[in-house]
Amino acid sequence: MTIFVKGIVLLPILLVFQTDPQLEKIEDRNQIDLFNSIHQIERYEAKVFRVNVFFMDNPPGSAGFEGTGEISKDLVLAISEFDEFPRKKLYVLRDIVNPKVVKNNLLYDKIELTIEHRSSGKKETSTLSITFDKVIFNR
């Protein structure tokens, strides 16, 4: 059987099993709040894994400064191997004020993120050292 004939035979079969996109309205309040609190997403890739950093807004006033509605953020770290069936992990760094990744160092099996943020009203620089198996926050 030629490639052309095989293609003619397989095309109708593939069309039968093809799915159509469907739009669905989400009503779950937790999911609505979660996705609407995502302020920013950044992706960093080492050679053997990647990390997606989700900057999530906390409620007004969460930064703890009297008389302001300033918010803190949670940084959610979604870590995944590069594989057909990757292992995945999830971490969260809670209540960080005005975080900004100012430098990244992408190595074979490690990602280092230098983060500027506020602590006790002062600008501070900290480092997140990320491997697939461990995350360390160094202040």
N, C-alpha and C. Protein backbone atom coordinates (compact mmCIF):
# COMPACT_ATOMS: atom_id res chain seq x y z
N MET A 1 0.85 -1.18 0.00
CA MET A 1 0.00 0.00 0.00
C MET A 1 0.90 1.24 0.00
N THR A 2 0.61 2.17 -0.82
CA THR A 2 1.44 3.38 -0.90
C THR A 2 1.10 4.32 0.24
N ILE A 3 1.98 5.28 0.47
CA ILE A 3 1.76 6.27 1.53
C ILE A 3 0.49 7.06 1.24
N PHE A 4 0.25 7.37 -0.02
CA PHE A 4 -0.94 8.13 -0.41
C PHE A 4 -2.21 7.37 -0.04
N VAL A 5 -2.24 6.09 -0.33
CA VAL A 5 -3.42 5.27 -0.03
C VAL A 5 -3.61 5.14 1.48
N LYS A 6 -2.51 4.95 2.22
CA LYS A 6 -2.61 4.87 3.68
C LYS A 6 -3.18 6.17 4.25
N GLY A 7 -2.74 7.31 3.70
CA GLY A 7 -3.25 8.60 4.15
C GLY A 7 -4.73 8.75 3.91
N ILE A 8 -5.20 8.28 2.77
CA ILE A 8 -6.64 8.36 2.45
C ILE A 8 -7.44 7.50 3.41
N VAL A 9 -6.91 6.33 3.79
CA VAL A 9 -7.60 5.43 4.71
C VAL A 9 -7.59 6.01 6.13
N LEU A 10 -6.47 6.58 6.57
CA LEU A 10 -6.35 7.07 7.94
C LEU A 10 -7.05 8.41 8.17
N LEU A 11 -7.16 9.26 7.16
CA LEU A 11 -7.74 10.59 7.33
C LEU A 11 -9.16 10.53 7.88
N PRO A 12 -10.07 9.73 7.32
CA PRO A 12 -11.43 9.69 7.90
C PRO A 12 -11.44 9.18 9.34
N ILE A 13 -10.54 8.24 9.66
CA ILE A 13 -10.47 7.71 11.03
C ILE A 13 -10.03 8.82 11.99
N LEU A 14 -9.02 9.60 11.62
CA LEU A 14 -8.55 10.70 12.47
C LEU A 14 -9.61 11.77 12.65
N LEU A 15 -10.37 12.06 11.62
CA LEU A 15 -11.41 13.08 11.72
C LEU A 15 -12.52 12.67 12.67
N VAL A 16 -12.83 11.37 12.73
CA VAL A 16 -13.88 10.87 13.63
C VAL A 16 -13.47 11.07 15.08
N PHE A 17 -12.19 10.89 15.40
CA PHE A 17 -11.72 10.96 16.78
C PHE A 17 -11.24 12.34 17.20
N GLN A 18 -11.28 13.30 16.32
CA GLN A 18 -10.85 14.65 16.64
C GLN A 18 -11.89 15.31 17.54
N THR A 19 -11.44 16.04 18.55
CA THR A 19 -12.38 16.71 19.45
C THR A 19 -12.58 18.15 19.03
N ASP A 20 -13.72 18.69 19.36
CA ASP A 20 -14.01 20.09 19.10
C ASP A 20 -13.78 20.89 20.37
N PRO A 21 -13.19 22.08 20.26
CA PRO A 21 -13.01 22.92 21.45
C PRO A 21 -14.37 23.30 22.03
N GLN A 22 -14.42 23.35 23.36
CA GLN A 22 -15.65 23.72 24.03
C GLN A 22 -15.35 24.77 25.10
N LEU A 23 -16.13 25.82 25.11
CA LEU A 23 -15.99 26.88 26.10
C LEU A 23 -16.91 26.56 27.27
N GLU A 24 -16.36 26.65 28.47
CA GLU A 24 -17.13 26.35 29.67
C GLU A 24 -16.95 27.47 30.68
N LYS A 25 -18.02 27.92 31.29
CA LYS A 25 -17.94 28.93 32.34
C LYS A 25 -17.64 28.22 33.66
N ILE A 26 -16.63 28.72 34.37
CA ILE A 26 -16.24 28.15 35.66
C ILE A 26 -17.03 28.88 36.75
N GLU A 27 -17.68 28.12 37.60
CA GLU A 27 -18.49 28.69 38.68
C GLU A 27 -17.87 28.49 40.06
N ASP A 28 -16.84 27.65 40.15
CA ASP A 28 -16.23 27.35 41.43
C ASP A 28 -15.51 28.60 41.96
N ARG A 29 -15.95 29.13 43.09
CA ARG A 29 -15.42 30.37 43.66
C ARG A 29 -13.92 30.26 43.96
N ASN A 30 -13.46 29.10 44.44
CA ASN A 30 -12.04 28.93 44.74
C ASN A 30 -11.18 29.05 43.49
N GLN A 31 -11.62 28.44 42.40
CA GLN A 31 -10.88 28.54 41.14
C GLN A 31 -10.91 29.97 40.60
N ILE A 32 -12.05 30.62 40.69
CA ILE A 32 -12.17 32.00 40.23
C ILE A 32 -11.21 32.90 41.01
N ASP A 33 -11.21 32.78 42.32
CA ASP A 33 -10.31 33.59 43.15
C ASP A 33 -8.85 33.28 42.86
N LEU A 34 -8.52 31.99 42.72
CA LEU A 34 -7.14 31.58 42.47
C LEU A 34 -6.62 32.20 41.17
N PHE A 35 -7.34 32.03 40.08
CA PHE A 35 -6.84 32.50 38.79
C PHE A 35 -6.87 34.02 38.67
N ASN A 36 -7.78 34.66 39.36
CA ASN A 36 -7.82 36.12 39.33
C ASN A 36 -6.78 36.76 40.24
N SER A 37 -6.17 35.97 41.13
CA SER A 37 -5.13 36.53 41.99
C SER A 37 -3.74 36.42 41.35
N ILE A 38 -3.64 35.74 40.20
CA ILE A 38 -2.34 35.65 39.52
C ILE A 38 -2.01 37.01 38.93
N HIS A 39 -0.94 37.59 39.42
CA HIS A 39 -0.52 38.92 38.99
C HIS A 39 0.48 38.83 37.83
N GLN A 40 1.32 37.79 37.87
CA GLN A 40 2.40 37.68 36.92
C GLN A 40 2.89 36.23 36.91
N ILE A 41 3.40 35.78 35.76
CA ILE A 41 3.98 34.44 35.65
C ILE A 41 5.33 34.58 34.96
N GLU A 42 6.34 33.94 35.53
CA GLU A 42 7.67 33.91 34.91
C GLU A 42 8.12 32.46 34.84
N ARG A 43 8.82 32.11 33.75
CA ARG A 43 9.32 30.75 33.57
C ARG A 43 10.84 30.78 33.45
N TYR A 44 11.48 29.83 34.17
CA TYR A 44 12.93 29.68 34.13
C TYR A 44 13.24 28.22 33.86
N GLU A 45 14.23 27.96 32.99
CA GLU A 45 14.56 26.58 32.62
C GLU A 45 16.03 26.27 32.84
N ALA A 46 16.27 25.22 33.62
CA ALA A 46 17.61 24.64 33.71
C ALA A 46 17.66 23.57 32.61
N LYS A 47 18.71 22.80 32.57
CA LYS A 47 18.82 21.76 31.53
C LYS A 47 17.89 20.57 31.80
N VAL A 48 17.59 20.30 33.08
CA VAL A 48 16.84 19.08 33.41
C VAL A 48 15.46 19.33 34.01
N PHE A 49 15.12 20.58 34.31
CA PHE A 49 13.79 20.89 34.85
C PHE A 49 13.48 22.36 34.59
N ARG A 50 12.23 22.72 34.84
CA ARG A 50 11.82 24.12 34.72
C ARG A 50 11.00 24.49 35.94
N VAL A 51 10.94 25.80 36.18
CA VAL A 51 10.09 26.31 37.26
C VAL A 51 9.25 27.45 36.71
N ASN A 52 7.96 27.38 36.96
CA ASN A 52 7.05 28.48 36.68
C ASN A 52 6.80 29.18 38.00
N VAL A 53 7.05 30.49 38.03
CA VAL A 53 6.85 31.27 39.25
C VAL A 53 5.58 32.10 39.06
N PHE A 54 4.59 31.84 39.90
CA PHE A 54 3.32 32.56 39.88
C PHE A 54 3.34 33.59 41.00
N PHE A 55 3.21 34.86 40.66
CA PHE A 55 3.13 35.92 41.65
C PHE A 55 1.65 36.11 41.96
N MET A 56 1.22 35.71 43.16
CA MET A 56 -0.19 35.72 43.53
C MET A 56 -0.47 36.85 44.52
N ASP A 57 -1.48 37.68 44.19
CA ASP A 57 -1.86 38.78 45.08
C ASP A 57 -2.58 38.25 46.31
N ASN A 58 -2.22 38.77 47.48
CA ASN A 58 -2.95 38.50 48.71
C ASN A 58 -3.96 39.62 48.92
N PRO A 59 -4.83 39.52 49.92
CA PRO A 59 -5.87 40.54 50.14
C PRO A 59 -5.29 41.91 50.49
N PRO A 60 -6.05 42.98 50.24
CA PRO A 60 -5.62 44.34 50.61
C PRO A 60 -5.26 44.41 52.10
N GLY A 61 -4.17 45.11 52.39
CA GLY A 61 -3.71 45.24 53.76
C GLY A 61 -2.80 44.12 54.23
N SER A 62 -2.60 43.11 53.39
CA SER A 62 -1.82 41.94 53.81
C SER A 62 -0.33 42.23 54.01
N ALA A 63 0.15 43.36 53.49
CA ALA A 63 1.57 43.71 53.69
C ALA A 63 1.85 44.11 55.13
N GLY A 64 0.80 44.46 55.89
CA GLY A 64 0.95 44.74 57.31
C GLY A 64 1.38 46.16 57.64
N PHE A 65 1.29 47.07 56.69
CA PHE A 65 1.63 48.46 56.96
C PHE A 65 0.38 49.20 57.40
N GLU A 66 0.41 49.75 58.61
CA GLU A 66 -0.75 50.46 59.19
C GLU A 66 -1.31 51.52 58.25
N GLY A 67 -2.61 51.52 58.11
CA GLY A 67 -3.29 52.57 57.35
C GLY A 67 -3.15 52.48 55.84
N THR A 68 -2.60 51.39 55.34
CA THR A 68 -2.50 51.24 53.88
C THR A 68 -3.21 49.97 53.46
N GLY A 69 -3.54 49.91 52.22
CA GLY A 69 -4.12 48.70 51.66
C GLY A 69 -3.09 47.90 50.89
N GLU A 70 -1.81 48.19 51.15
CA GLU A 70 -0.76 47.51 50.39
C GLU A 70 -0.82 46.00 50.60
N ILE A 71 -0.56 45.28 49.52
CA ILE A 71 -0.68 43.83 49.58
C ILE A 71 0.69 43.15 49.56
N SER A 72 0.71 41.98 50.13
CA SER A 72 1.87 41.10 49.98
C SER A 72 1.51 40.11 48.86
N LYS A 73 2.49 39.33 48.48
CA LYS A 73 2.26 38.32 47.46
C LYS A 73 2.75 36.97 47.96
N ASP A 74 2.19 35.93 47.39
CA ASP A 74 2.72 34.58 47.55
C ASP A 74 3.39 34.23 46.23
N LEU A 75 4.58 33.66 46.29
CA LEU A 75 5.25 33.17 45.10
C LEU A 75 5.07 31.66 45.08
N VAL A 76 4.32 31.19 44.10
CA VAL A 76 4.08 29.76 43.95
C VAL A 76 5.08 29.24 42.91
N LEU A 77 5.82 28.22 43.28
CA LEU A 77 6.85 27.64 42.42
C LEU A 77 6.37 26.27 41.94
N ALA A 78 6.03 26.18 40.66
CA ALA A 78 5.61 24.92 40.06
C ALA A 78 6.80 24.34 39.31
N ILE A 79 7.33 23.24 39.79
CA ILE A 79 8.56 22.66 39.26
C ILE A 79 8.22 21.37 38.52
N SER A 80 8.82 21.21 37.33
CA SER A 80 8.53 20.04 36.51
C SER A 80 9.78 19.59 35.76
N GLU A 81 9.97 18.28 35.69
CA GLU A 81 11.04 17.72 34.88
C GLU A 81 10.66 17.82 33.41
N PHE A 82 11.66 17.69 32.56
CA PHE A 82 11.42 17.54 31.13
C PHE A 82 11.36 16.04 30.85
N ASP A 83 10.18 15.53 30.63
CA ASP A 83 10.02 14.10 30.40
C ASP A 83 8.62 13.87 29.84
N GLU A 84 8.42 12.71 29.27
CA GLU A 84 7.09 12.39 28.76
C GLU A 84 6.09 12.28 29.91
N PHE A 85 6.52 11.72 31.03
CA PHE A 85 5.71 11.63 32.23
C PHE A 85 6.49 12.27 33.37
N PRO A 86 6.56 13.60 33.41
CA PRO A 86 7.45 14.29 34.35
C PRO A 86 6.97 14.22 35.79
N ARG A 87 7.95 14.16 36.70
CA ARG A 87 7.63 14.34 38.11
C ARG A 87 7.40 15.84 38.30
N LYS A 88 6.51 16.19 39.21
CA LYS A 88 6.18 17.59 39.44
C LYS A 88 6.12 17.86 40.94
N LYS A 89 6.49 19.10 41.30
CA LYS A 89 6.42 19.51 42.70
C LYS A 89 5.90 20.94 42.77
N LEU A 90 5.38 21.31 43.93
CA LEU A 90 4.81 22.64 44.11
C LEU A 90 5.22 23.18 45.48
N TYR A 91 5.74 24.42 45.49
CA TYR A 91 6.15 25.10 46.72
C TYR A 91 5.51 26.48 46.73
N VAL A 92 5.41 27.08 47.92
CA VAL A 92 4.92 28.45 48.01
C VAL A 92 5.77 29.23 49.02
N LEU A 93 6.19 30.43 48.62
CA LEU A 93 6.86 31.38 49.51
C LEU A 93 5.81 32.42 49.85
N ARG A 94 5.37 32.45 51.10
CA ARG A 94 4.22 33.27 51.49
C ARG A 94 4.61 34.67 51.96
N ASP A 95 3.69 35.59 51.73
CA ASP A 95 3.72 36.93 52.32
C ASP A 95 5.01 37.70 52.07
N ILE A 96 5.40 37.80 50.84
CA ILE A 96 6.58 38.59 50.47
C ILE A 96 6.08 39.90 49.85
N VAL A 97 6.67 41.01 50.25
CA VAL A 97 6.19 42.33 49.85
C VAL A 97 7.01 42.87 48.68
N ASN A 98 6.32 43.29 47.64
CA ASN A 98 6.93 43.88 46.43
C ASN A 98 8.06 43.03 45.85
N PRO A 99 7.83 41.74 45.61
CA PRO A 99 8.91 40.91 45.07
C PRO A 99 9.17 41.21 43.60
N LYS A 100 10.44 41.14 43.24
CA LYS A 100 10.84 41.33 41.85
C LYS A 100 12.10 40.49 41.61
N VAL A 101 12.06 39.61 40.62
CA VAL A 101 13.25 38.84 40.27
C VAL A 101 14.19 39.78 39.51
N VAL A 102 15.37 40.03 40.07
CA VAL A 102 16.31 40.97 39.46
C VAL A 102 17.48 40.27 38.78
N LYS A 103 17.65 38.97 39.06
CA LYS A 103 18.74 38.23 38.44
C LYS A 103 18.40 36.75 38.48
N ASN A 104 18.81 36.03 37.43
CA ASN A 104 18.64 34.58 37.46
C ASN A 104 19.93 33.93 36.98
N ASN A 105 20.20 32.78 37.55
CA ASN A 105 21.37 31.98 37.18
C ASN A 105 20.84 30.59 36.86
N LEU A 106 20.87 30.22 35.59
CA LEU A 106 20.31 28.95 35.14
C LEU A 106 21.46 27.97 34.89
N LEU A 107 21.51 26.92 35.70
CA LEU A 107 22.57 25.94 35.61
C LEU A 107 21.99 24.62 35.10
N TYR A 108 22.81 23.58 35.08
CA TYR A 108 22.35 22.28 34.59
C TYR A 108 21.20 21.73 35.43
N ASP A 109 21.40 21.68 36.74
CA ASP A 109 20.40 21.08 37.62
C ASP A 109 19.99 22.01 38.76
N LYS A 110 20.16 23.31 38.57
CA LYS A 110 19.85 24.28 39.62
C LYS A 110 19.48 25.61 38.99
N ILE A 111 18.53 26.28 39.63
CA ILE A 111 18.13 27.63 39.23
C ILE A 111 18.25 28.51 40.47
N GLU A 112 18.95 29.62 40.32
CA GLU A 112 19.07 30.59 41.42
C GLU A 112 18.39 31.88 40.99
N LEU A 113 17.45 32.33 41.80
CA LEU A 113 16.74 33.58 41.53
C LEU A 113 17.06 34.58 42.63
N THR A 114 17.56 35.74 42.25
CA THR A 114 17.80 36.82 43.20
C THR A 114 16.56 37.70 43.19
N ILE A 115 15.98 37.91 44.38
CA ILE A 115 14.71 38.62 44.49
C ILE A 115 14.87 39.85 45.37
N GLU A 116 14.46 41.00 44.86
CA GLU A 116 14.35 42.21 45.68
C GLU A 116 12.94 42.23 46.26
N HIS A 117 12.85 42.64 47.52
CA HIS A 117 11.54 42.74 48.18
C HIS A 117 11.69 43.66 49.37
N ARG A 118 10.58 43.97 50.01
CA ARG A 118 10.61 44.81 51.22
C ARG A 118 10.42 43.93 52.44
N SER A 119 11.16 44.27 53.47
CA SER A 119 11.04 43.58 54.75
C SER A 119 11.24 44.62 55.85
N SER A 120 10.30 44.73 56.74
CA SER A 120 10.33 45.74 57.81
C SER A 120 10.50 47.14 57.23
N GLY A 121 9.89 47.38 56.09
CA GLY A 121 9.91 48.70 55.47
C GLY A 121 11.18 49.02 54.70
N LYS A 122 12.13 48.09 54.65
CA LYS A 122 13.40 48.34 53.96
C LYS A 122 13.53 47.39 52.76
N LYS A 123 14.23 47.86 51.72
CA LYS A 123 14.51 47.01 50.57
C LYS A 123 15.52 45.96 50.96
N GLU A 124 15.27 44.72 50.56
CA GLU A 124 16.13 43.61 50.91
C GLU A 124 16.32 42.74 49.67
N THR A 125 17.44 42.05 49.60
CA THR A 125 17.69 41.11 48.51
C THR A 125 17.86 39.72 49.09
N SER A 126 17.15 38.76 48.51
CA SER A 126 17.22 37.37 48.96
C SER A 126 17.41 36.48 47.74
N THR A 127 17.75 35.21 48.01
CA THR A 127 17.97 34.27 46.92
C THR A 127 17.13 33.03 47.11
N LEU A 128 16.51 32.59 46.03
CA LEU A 128 15.86 31.29 45.99
C LEU A 128 16.78 30.35 45.23
N SER A 129 17.23 29.28 45.88
CA SER A 129 18.04 28.24 45.23
C SER A 129 17.12 27.06 44.99
N ILE A 130 16.94 26.71 43.73
CA ILE A 130 15.94 25.71 43.36
C ILE A 130 16.60 24.55 42.63
N THR A 131 16.43 23.35 43.17
CA THR A 131 16.75 22.13 42.45
C THR A 131 15.43 21.38 42.34
N PHE A 132 15.43 20.28 41.62
CA PHE A 132 14.16 19.57 41.52
C PHE A 132 13.69 19.08 42.87
N ASP A 133 14.61 18.66 43.73
CA ASP A 133 14.24 18.05 45.00
C ASP A 133 14.19 18.99 46.19
N LYS A 134 14.65 20.25 46.03
CA LYS A 134 14.70 21.12 47.19
C LYS A 134 14.68 22.59 46.77
N VAL A 135 14.02 23.40 47.60
CA VAL A 135 14.03 24.86 47.41
C VAL A 135 14.50 25.47 48.71
N ILE A 136 15.47 26.40 48.62
CA ILE A 136 15.99 27.09 49.81
C ILE A 136 15.83 28.58 49.61
N PHE A 137 15.28 29.27 50.62
CA PHE A 137 15.14 30.73 50.61
C PHE A 137 16.18 31.30 51.53
N ASN A 138 17.16 32.01 50.97
CA ASN A 138 18.25 32.62 51.75
C ASN A 138 18.02 34.11 51.85
N ARG A 139 17.85 34.61 53.07
CA ARG A 139 17.65 36.05 53.29
C ARG A 139 18.97 36.72 53.53
